[in-house]
Amino acid sequence: MIDVVYFAWVRERIGLPRERLETEARTVAELVEELKAREERYAMAFADVSALRVALNQQLTDFDAPLADAREVAFFPPMTGG
């Protein structure tokens, strides 16, 4: 089981702040593909992953990162200062 957390407009498009999932995915990218296949709202949220950042266990990482020991994956748009 893995906790998936959504922030900002990702949360708004999916309609959930977080969920716990069973997954066969080995990488973040494979998890994204599983999510996109679930429902249209996920497909819309993950349509352009270049507009997203990802963290595993609260550490920023890339979409090709392995999920092996991850307990949590979080998706969010890039942060801007100002």
N, C-alpha and C. Protein backbone atom coordinates (compact mmCIF):
# COMPACT_ATOMS: atom_id res chain seq x y z
N MET A 1 0.85 -1.19 0.00
CA MET A 1 0.00 0.00 0.00
C MET A 1 0.88 1.24 0.00
N ILE A 2 0.40 2.26 -0.69
CA ILE A 2 1.13 3.52 -0.75
C ILE A 2 0.12 4.66 -0.59
N ASP A 3 0.52 5.69 0.15
CA ASP A 3 -0.31 6.88 0.28
C ASP A 3 0.04 7.83 -0.84
N VAL A 4 -0.98 8.30 -1.55
CA VAL A 4 -0.79 9.26 -2.63
C VAL A 4 -1.46 10.56 -2.20
N VAL A 5 -0.68 11.64 -2.23
CA VAL A 5 -1.15 12.94 -1.76
C VAL A 5 -1.15 13.91 -2.93
N TYR A 6 -2.22 14.69 -3.04
CA TYR A 6 -2.36 15.65 -4.12
C TYR A 6 -2.47 17.06 -3.54
N PHE A 7 -1.77 18.01 -4.19
CA PHE A 7 -1.79 19.39 -3.73
C PHE A 7 -2.25 20.34 -4.84
N ALA A 8 -2.79 21.48 -4.42
CA ALA A 8 -3.17 22.60 -5.30
C ALA A 8 -4.13 22.14 -6.40
N TRP A 9 -3.87 22.52 -7.65
CA TRP A 9 -4.83 22.20 -8.71
C TRP A 9 -4.90 20.71 -9.01
N VAL A 10 -3.88 19.95 -8.64
CA VAL A 10 -3.96 18.49 -8.82
C VAL A 10 -5.08 17.95 -7.93
N ARG A 11 -5.12 18.39 -6.69
CA ARG A 11 -6.18 17.99 -5.75
C ARG A 11 -7.54 18.43 -6.26
N GLU A 12 -7.62 19.64 -6.78
CA GLU A 12 -8.89 20.16 -7.29
C GLU A 12 -9.41 19.32 -8.46
N ARG A 13 -8.54 18.94 -9.37
CA ARG A 13 -8.97 18.15 -10.54
C ARG A 13 -9.37 16.74 -10.15
N ILE A 14 -8.65 16.14 -9.21
CA ILE A 14 -8.96 14.78 -8.81
C ILE A 14 -10.11 14.75 -7.81
N GLY A 15 -10.19 15.78 -6.97
CA GLY A 15 -11.29 15.86 -6.01
C GLY A 15 -10.98 15.19 -4.67
N LEU A 16 -9.72 14.84 -4.45
CA LEU A 16 -9.30 14.19 -3.20
C LEU A 16 -7.99 14.80 -2.74
N PRO A 17 -7.81 14.97 -1.44
CA PRO A 17 -6.51 15.43 -0.95
C PRO A 17 -5.49 14.30 -0.87
N ARG A 18 -5.96 13.08 -0.64
CA ARG A 18 -5.06 11.92 -0.53
C ARG A 18 -5.87 10.64 -0.65
N GLU A 19 -5.18 9.57 -0.96
CA GLU A 19 -5.79 8.24 -0.98
C GLU A 19 -4.72 7.19 -0.78
N ARG A 20 -5.13 6.03 -0.34
CA ARG A 20 -4.23 4.89 -0.14
C ARG A 20 -4.51 3.88 -1.25
N LEU A 21 -3.45 3.45 -1.92
CA LEU A 21 -3.62 2.59 -3.09
C LEU A 21 -2.75 1.34 -3.02
N GLU A 22 -3.26 0.30 -3.62
CA GLU A 22 -2.46 -0.88 -3.97
C GLU A 22 -1.96 -0.60 -5.38
N THR A 23 -0.70 -0.87 -5.64
CA THR A 23 -0.18 -0.62 -6.98
C THR A 23 0.82 -1.69 -7.38
N GLU A 24 0.89 -1.94 -8.65
CA GLU A 24 1.89 -2.83 -9.22
C GLU A 24 3.04 -2.01 -9.81
N ALA A 25 2.92 -0.68 -9.77
CA ALA A 25 3.91 0.21 -10.38
C ALA A 25 5.27 0.06 -9.70
N ARG A 26 6.30 0.11 -10.52
CA ARG A 26 7.67 0.05 -10.01
C ARG A 26 8.31 1.43 -9.93
N THR A 27 7.77 2.38 -10.71
CA THR A 27 8.31 3.75 -10.72
C THR A 27 7.16 4.73 -10.57
N VAL A 28 7.52 5.98 -10.30
CA VAL A 28 6.50 7.04 -10.23
C VAL A 28 5.77 7.14 -11.56
N ALA A 29 6.50 7.08 -12.66
CA ALA A 29 5.89 7.19 -13.99
C ALA A 29 4.86 6.08 -14.21
N GLU A 30 5.16 4.85 -13.78
CA GLU A 30 4.20 3.75 -13.92
C GLU A 30 2.98 3.99 -13.05
N LEU A 31 3.17 4.56 -11.86
CA LEU A 31 2.03 4.91 -11.01
C LEU A 31 1.15 5.94 -11.68
N VAL A 32 1.76 6.93 -12.30
CA VAL A 32 0.99 7.96 -13.02
C VAL A 32 0.16 7.31 -14.13
N GLU A 33 0.74 6.37 -14.87
CA GLU A 33 -0.01 5.69 -15.93
C GLU A 33 -1.19 4.90 -15.36
N GLU A 34 -0.98 4.23 -14.22
CA GLU A 34 -2.09 3.52 -13.57
C GLU A 34 -3.19 4.49 -13.17
N LEU A 35 -2.80 5.62 -12.60
CA LEU A 35 -3.80 6.61 -12.17
C LEU A 35 -4.56 7.17 -13.37
N LYS A 36 -3.84 7.50 -14.44
CA LYS A 36 -4.49 8.06 -15.63
C LYS A 36 -5.51 7.10 -16.21
N ALA A 37 -5.26 5.80 -16.08
CA ALA A 37 -6.17 4.80 -16.63
C ALA A 37 -7.42 4.60 -15.77
N ARG A 38 -7.41 5.10 -14.53
CA ARG A 38 -8.53 4.88 -13.61
C ARG A 38 -9.79 5.61 -14.04
N GLU A 39 -9.67 6.91 -14.24
CA GLU A 39 -10.83 7.76 -14.55
C GLU A 39 -10.37 8.99 -15.29
N GLU A 40 -11.31 9.66 -15.93
CA GLU A 40 -11.01 10.87 -16.68
C GLU A 40 -10.40 11.97 -15.81
N ARG A 41 -10.87 12.10 -14.58
CA ARG A 41 -10.34 13.18 -13.72
C ARG A 41 -8.85 12.99 -13.45
N TYR A 42 -8.38 11.75 -13.33
CA TYR A 42 -6.95 11.49 -13.16
C TYR A 42 -6.21 11.77 -14.47
N ALA A 43 -6.79 11.36 -15.58
CA ALA A 43 -6.18 11.62 -16.88
C ALA A 43 -5.98 13.12 -17.09
N MET A 44 -6.97 13.91 -16.69
CA MET A 44 -6.86 15.36 -16.82
C MET A 44 -5.78 15.91 -15.90
N ALA A 45 -5.73 15.45 -14.68
CA ALA A 45 -4.75 15.95 -13.70
C ALA A 45 -3.31 15.63 -14.12
N PHE A 46 -3.12 14.47 -14.76
CA PHE A 46 -1.77 14.05 -15.12
C PHE A 46 -1.50 14.14 -16.62
N ALA A 47 -2.29 14.93 -17.33
CA ALA A 47 -2.13 15.06 -18.78
C ALA A 47 -0.75 15.61 -19.16
N ASP A 48 -0.22 16.51 -18.36
CA ASP A 48 1.07 17.12 -18.66
C ASP A 48 1.95 17.04 -17.41
N VAL A 49 2.68 15.95 -17.27
CA VAL A 49 3.50 15.77 -16.06
C VAL A 49 4.66 16.76 -16.01
N SER A 50 4.98 17.40 -17.13
CA SER A 50 6.05 18.41 -17.09
C SER A 50 5.61 19.61 -16.25
N ALA A 51 4.30 19.72 -16.00
CA ALA A 51 3.77 20.80 -15.16
C ALA A 51 3.66 20.38 -13.69
N LEU A 52 4.23 19.22 -13.35
CA LEU A 52 4.13 18.69 -11.99
C LEU A 52 5.50 18.39 -11.40
N ARG A 53 5.52 18.37 -10.08
CA ARG A 53 6.68 17.90 -9.32
C ARG A 53 6.20 16.72 -8.49
N VAL A 54 7.15 15.91 -8.07
CA VAL A 54 6.80 14.72 -7.29
C VAL A 54 7.80 14.57 -6.14
N ALA A 55 7.29 14.08 -5.02
CA ALA A 55 8.13 13.78 -3.87
C ALA A 55 7.80 12.38 -3.37
N LEU A 56 8.85 11.63 -3.02
CA LEU A 56 8.68 10.32 -2.39
C LEU A 56 9.15 10.45 -0.95
N ASN A 57 8.29 10.06 -0.02
CA ASN A 57 8.61 10.16 1.40
C ASN A 57 9.13 11.56 1.74
N GLN A 58 8.49 12.57 1.15
CA GLN A 58 8.75 13.99 1.38
C GLN A 58 10.11 14.46 0.88
N GLN A 59 10.67 13.74 -0.09
CA GLN A 59 11.93 14.13 -0.74
C GLN A 59 11.65 14.31 -2.23
N LEU A 60 11.98 15.49 -2.76
CA LEU A 60 11.78 15.73 -4.19
C LEU A 60 12.54 14.70 -5.00
N THR A 61 11.91 14.25 -6.08
CA THR A 61 12.53 13.23 -6.93
C THR A 61 12.01 13.39 -8.35
N ASP A 62 12.39 12.46 -9.23
CA ASP A 62 11.96 12.48 -10.62
C ASP A 62 10.90 11.41 -10.86
N PHE A 63 10.24 11.52 -12.00
CA PHE A 63 9.18 10.56 -12.33
C PHE A 63 9.72 9.17 -12.65
N ASP A 64 11.02 9.05 -12.91
CA ASP A 64 11.58 7.73 -13.17
C ASP A 64 12.10 7.08 -11.88
N ALA A 65 11.87 7.71 -10.74
CA ALA A 65 12.33 7.17 -9.45
C ALA A 65 11.57 5.89 -9.10
N PRO A 66 12.28 4.92 -8.52
CA PRO A 66 11.62 3.68 -8.10
C PRO A 66 10.74 3.89 -6.87
N LEU A 67 9.64 3.16 -6.82
CA LEU A 67 8.71 3.23 -5.69
C LEU A 67 9.06 2.22 -4.59
N ALA A 68 10.10 1.44 -4.78
CA ALA A 68 10.43 0.29 -3.93
C ALA A 68 10.06 0.44 -2.45
N ASP A 69 10.63 1.38 -1.74
CA ASP A 69 10.38 1.51 -0.31
C ASP A 69 9.53 2.73 0.03
N ALA A 70 8.90 3.30 -0.95
CA ALA A 70 8.11 4.52 -0.71
C ALA A 70 6.84 4.20 0.08
N ARG A 71 6.59 5.02 1.06
CA ARG A 71 5.34 4.94 1.82
C ARG A 71 4.36 6.01 1.34
N GLU A 72 4.93 7.11 0.78
CA GLU A 72 4.09 8.23 0.35
C GLU A 72 4.66 8.83 -0.92
N VAL A 73 3.77 9.14 -1.85
CA VAL A 73 4.14 9.89 -3.05
C VAL A 73 3.22 11.10 -3.11
N ALA A 74 3.79 12.26 -3.37
CA ALA A 74 3.01 13.50 -3.42
C ALA A 74 3.21 14.17 -4.77
N PHE A 75 2.11 14.67 -5.32
CA PHE A 75 2.14 15.38 -6.59
C PHE A 75 1.69 16.82 -6.37
N PHE A 76 2.42 17.76 -6.98
CA PHE A 76 2.10 19.17 -6.78
C PHE A 76 2.69 19.98 -7.94
N PRO A 77 2.12 21.17 -8.20
CA PRO A 77 2.71 22.03 -9.22
C PRO A 77 4.00 22.66 -8.68
N PRO A 78 4.84 23.15 -9.58
CA PRO A 78 6.06 23.83 -9.13
C PRO A 78 5.70 25.00 -8.22
N MET A 79 6.53 25.23 -7.24
CA MET A 79 6.29 26.35 -6.32
C MET A 79 6.98 27.59 -6.86
N THR A 80 6.31 28.71 -6.70
CA THR A 80 6.91 29.98 -7.14
C THR A 80 7.01 30.91 -5.94
N GLY A 81 8.02 31.70 -5.95
CA GLY A 81 8.20 32.66 -4.86
C GLY A 81 7.65 34.02 -5.26
N GLY A 82 7.66 34.94 -4.31
CA GLY A 82 7.22 36.28 -4.69
C GLY A 82 6.62 37.03 -3.57
